[in-house]
Structures are given as structure tokens and as C-alpha cells.
C-alpha atoms as a PDB file:
ATOM      1  CA  MET A   1      -0.035  -0.009  -0.047  1.00  0.00           C
ATOM      2  CA  LYS A   2       1.011   3.543  -0.836  1.00  0.00           C
ATOM      3  CA  LYS A   3       1.628   5.643   2.014  1.00  0.00           C
ATOM      4  CA  ILE A   4      -0.103   9.175   1.765  1.00  0.00           C
ATOM      5  CA  PRO A   5       2.200  11.935   3.112  1.00  0.00           C
ATOM      6  CA  PRO A   6       0.862  14.396   5.561  1.00  0.00           C
ATOM      7  CA  LEU A   7      -1.670  17.040   4.758  1.00  0.00           C
ATOM      8  CA  PRO A   8       1.019  19.921   5.345  1.00  0.00           C
ATOM      9  CA  SER A   9       3.424  18.128   3.028  1.00  0.00           C
ATOM     10  CA  LEU A  10       1.040  18.007   0.305  1.00  0.00           C
ATOM     11  CA  LEU A  11       0.228  21.727   0.503  1.00  0.00           C
ATOM     12  CA  SER A  12       3.847  22.603   0.581  1.00  0.00           C
ATOM     13  CA  LEU A  13       4.452  20.487  -2.437  1.00  0.00           C
ATOM     14  CA  ASN A  14       1.364  21.949  -4.409  1.00  0.00           C
ATOM     15  CA  LEU A  15       2.650  25.380  -3.254  1.00  0.00           C
ATOM     16  CA  GLN A  16       6.049  24.886  -4.351  1.00  0.00           C
ATOM     17  CA  THR A  17       4.983  23.358  -7.849  1.00  0.00           C
ATOM     18  CA  GLU A  18       2.642  26.274  -8.581  1.00  0.00           C
ATOM     19  CA  GLN A  19       5.612  28.728  -7.911  1.00  0.00           C
ATOM     20  CA  VAL A  20       7.967  26.992 -10.208  1.00  0.00           C
ATOM     21  CA  GLU A  21       5.242  26.936 -12.780  1.00  0.00           C
ATOM     22  CA  ARG A  22       4.491  30.671 -12.459  1.00  0.00           C
ATOM     23  CA  ASN A  23       8.552  31.275 -12.484  1.00  0.00           C
ATOM     24  CA  TYR A  24       8.604  29.286 -15.727  1.00  0.00           C
ATOM     25  CA  ILE A  25       5.809  31.094 -17.283  1.00  0.00           C
ATOM     26  CA  LYS A  26       7.360  34.702 -16.156  1.00  0.00           C
ATOM     27  CA  GLU A  27      10.969  33.402 -17.502  1.00  0.00           C
ATOM     28  CA  LYS A  28       9.405  32.220 -20.946  1.00  0.00           C
ATOM     29  CA  LYS A  29       7.570  35.561 -21.391  1.00  0.00           C
ATOM     30  CA  ALA A  30      10.668  37.372 -20.558  1.00  0.00           C
ATOM     31  CA  ALA A  31      12.718  35.371 -23.030  1.00  0.00           C
ATOM     32  CA  VAL A  32      10.243  35.819 -25.881  1.00  0.00           C
ATOM     33  CA  LYS A  33      10.163  39.322 -25.262  1.00  0.00           C
ATOM     34  CA  GLU A  34      13.895  39.689 -25.303  1.00  0.00           C
ATOM     35  CA  PHE A  35      14.250  37.612 -28.549  1.00  0.00           C
ATOM     36  CA  ASP A  36      11.463  39.828 -30.395  1.00  0.00           C
ATOM     37  CA  ASP A  37      13.441  42.872 -29.184  1.00  0.00           C
ATOM     38  CA  LYS A  38      16.656  41.757 -30.044  1.00  0.00           C
ATOM     39  CA  LYS A  39      15.170  40.477 -33.707  1.00  0.00           C
ATOM     40  CA  VAL A  40      13.769  44.103 -34.317  1.00  0.00           C
ATOM     41  CA  GLU A  41      16.940  45.721 -33.228  1.00  0.00           C
ATOM     42  CA  LEU A  42      19.057  43.547 -35.782  1.00  0.00           C
ATOM     43  CA  LYS A  43      16.724  44.163 -38.587  1.00  0.00           C
ATOM     44  CA  GLU A  44      17.106  47.840 -38.031  1.00  0.00           C
ATOM     45  CA  ASN A  45      20.732  47.566 -37.967  1.00  0.00           C
ATOM     46  CA  LEU A  46      20.801  45.491 -41.138  1.00  0.00           C
ATOM     47  CA  ILE A  47      18.283  47.914 -42.865  1.00  0.00           C
ATOM     48  CA  ALA A  48      20.572  51.054 -41.716  1.00  0.00           C
ATOM     49  CA  GLU A  49      23.780  49.094 -43.157  1.00  0.00           C
ATOM     50  CA  LEU A  50      21.988  48.392 -46.383  1.00  0.00           C
ATOM     51  CA  GLU A  51      20.913  51.992 -46.845  1.00  0.00           C
ATOM     52  CA  GLU A  52      24.554  53.109 -46.015  1.00  0.00           C
ATOM     53  CA  LYS A  53      25.711  50.773 -48.567  1.00  0.00           C
ATOM     54  CA  LYS A  54      23.219  51.914 -51.293  1.00  0.00           C
ATOM     55  CA  LYS A  55      24.506  55.599 -50.771  1.00  0.00           C
ATOM     56  CA  MET A  56      27.929  54.696 -51.020  1.00  0.00           C
ATOM     57  CA  ILE A  57      27.096  52.828 -54.330  1.00  0.00           C
ATOM     58  CA  GLU A  58      25.113  55.839 -55.723  1.00  0.00           C
ATOM     59  CA  ASN A  59      28.007  58.192 -54.677  1.00  0.00           C
ATOM     60  CA  GLU A  60      30.428  55.936 -56.545  1.00  0.00           C
ATOM     61  CA  LYS A  61      27.927  55.787 -59.686  1.00  0.00           C
ATOM     62  CA  LEU A  62      27.752  59.367 -59.680  1.00  0.00           C
ATOM     63  CA  THR A  63      31.499  59.805 -59.451  1.00  0.00           C
ATOM     64  CA  MET A  64      32.009  57.473 -62.306  1.00  0.00           C
ATOM     65  CA  GLU A  65      29.304  59.367 -64.234  1.00  0.00           C
ATOM     66  CA  LEU A  66      31.194  62.581 -63.709  1.00  0.00           C
ATOM     67  CA  THR A  67      34.833  61.110 -64.498  1.00  0.00           C
ATOM     68  CA  GLY A  68      33.508  59.356 -67.489  1.00  0.00           C
ATOM     69  CA  GLY A  69      33.778  55.938 -65.928  1.00  0.00           C
ATOM     70  CA  LYS A  70      37.429  56.202 -65.738  1.00  0.00           C
ATOM     71  CA  GLY A  71      39.668  56.674 -62.702  1.00  0.00           C
ATOM     72  CA  ASP A  72      41.313  54.913 -59.932  1.00  0.00           C
ATOM     73  CA  ARG A  73      38.787  52.291 -59.505  1.00  0.00           C
ATOM     74  CA  THR A  74      39.805  50.774 -63.068  1.00  0.00           C
ATOM     75  CA  ARG A  75      43.348  50.866 -62.123  1.00  0.00           C
ATOM     76  CA  LEU A  76      42.628  49.239 -58.762  1.00  0.00           C
ATOM     77  CA  LEU A  77      40.732  46.331 -60.542  1.00  0.00           C
ATOM     78  CA  PHE A  78      43.338  45.639 -63.034  1.00  0.00           C
ATOM     79  CA  ARG A  79      46.007  45.560 -60.224  1.00  0.00           C
ATOM     80  CA  ASP A  80      43.798  43.105 -58.458  1.00  0.00           C
ATOM     81  CA  LEU A  81      43.760  40.772 -61.255  1.00  0.00           C
ATOM     82  CA  LEU A  82      47.313  41.042 -61.890  1.00  0.00           C
ATOM     83  CA  SER A  83      48.188  40.445 -58.358  1.00  0.00           C
ATOM     84  CA  GLY A  84      45.973  37.251 -58.402  1.00  0.00           C
ATOM     85  CA  ARG A  85      47.960  36.165 -61.339  1.00  0.00           C
ATOM     86  CA  ASP A  86      51.136  37.256 -59.741  1.00  0.00           C
ATOM     87  CA  ARG A  87      50.468  35.113 -56.863  1.00  0.00           C
ATOM     88  CA  LYS A  88      50.087  32.079 -58.895  1.00  0.00           C
ATOM     89  CA  LEU A  89      53.116  32.450 -61.140  1.00  0.00           C
ATOM     90  CA  GLY A  90      55.139  33.486 -57.800  1.00  0.00           C
ATOM     91  CA  ILE A  91      56.114  36.933 -59.098  1.00  0.00           C
ATOM     92  CA  LYS A  92      56.736  39.204 -56.271  1.00  0.00           C
ATOM     93  CA  LYS A  93      57.913  42.785 -57.684  1.00  0.00           C
ATOM     94  CA  TYR A  94      56.085  45.532 -59.622  1.00  0.00           C
ATOM     95  CA  VAL A  95      58.040  47.664 -62.136  1.00  0.00           C
ATOM     96  CA  SER A  96      58.389  51.005 -60.420  1.00  0.00           C
ATOM     97  CA  GLY A  97      55.816  53.670 -62.076  1.00  0.00           C
ATOM     98  CA  SER A  98      54.133  50.944 -64.121  1.00  0.00           C
ATOM     99  CA  GLU A  99      51.126  48.837 -63.613  1.00  0.00           C
ATOM    100  CA  ARG A 100      53.249  45.670 -65.489  1.00  0.00           C
ATOM    101  CA  PHE A 101      54.730  43.036 -63.491  1.00  0.00           C
ATOM    102  CA  SER A 102      58.219  42.213 -64.140  1.00  0.00           C
ATOM    103  CA  LEU A 103      58.629  38.479 -65.258  1.00  0.00           C
END
């Protein structure tokens, strides 16, 4: 036969169980709120970064239109392409004052 615990022990157990359930519900609500707040904050940050990048691209486009599409950017891209080739071929030296590599 099962032994029935005394009445004060049952009441204490019920009160403790209810307290744990209330704490669980409270913490769960707080976690959901914190998650939603963080999600909104991250979304706002991403949108702000995107807007900033769009402005930079628009400024670069305007600059390219004003300069006729030529300028440092083309030279830098050319230099990047060559430096990739340079690394593959093991070439380590630029010819001074020129965009060509010494072979």
C-alpha cells in the first residue's frame, strides 16, 4: 500500500509546484520579449547598413558618371587581377611607376 504524506507536506508540495510553474511562465515570457526585441534591433541594423551601402554605391556611380567611368577604380581592379595572377606565378615585384609586373 502507498503511504499518503501528511497534509502539510502536500500543501507545501502544491505551493512549490505552483511557484515553479509561475516562475517558468514569467521567464518564458521574458525570453520571448527579449528575443523579439533583439530581432527588431538586428533588423533595424541590417536595414541601416543596407541604406548606407546603397548611398555609397550611388555616390560611386555619380563619381563614375562625372569622371566618365575612368579613374582609380579601373586601375585598382586591373592591379587586383594582376596581383592574383602574380601570386599564382610566384612573381613578387612590380615595375616601379608602371602597372606591369616584371617577369
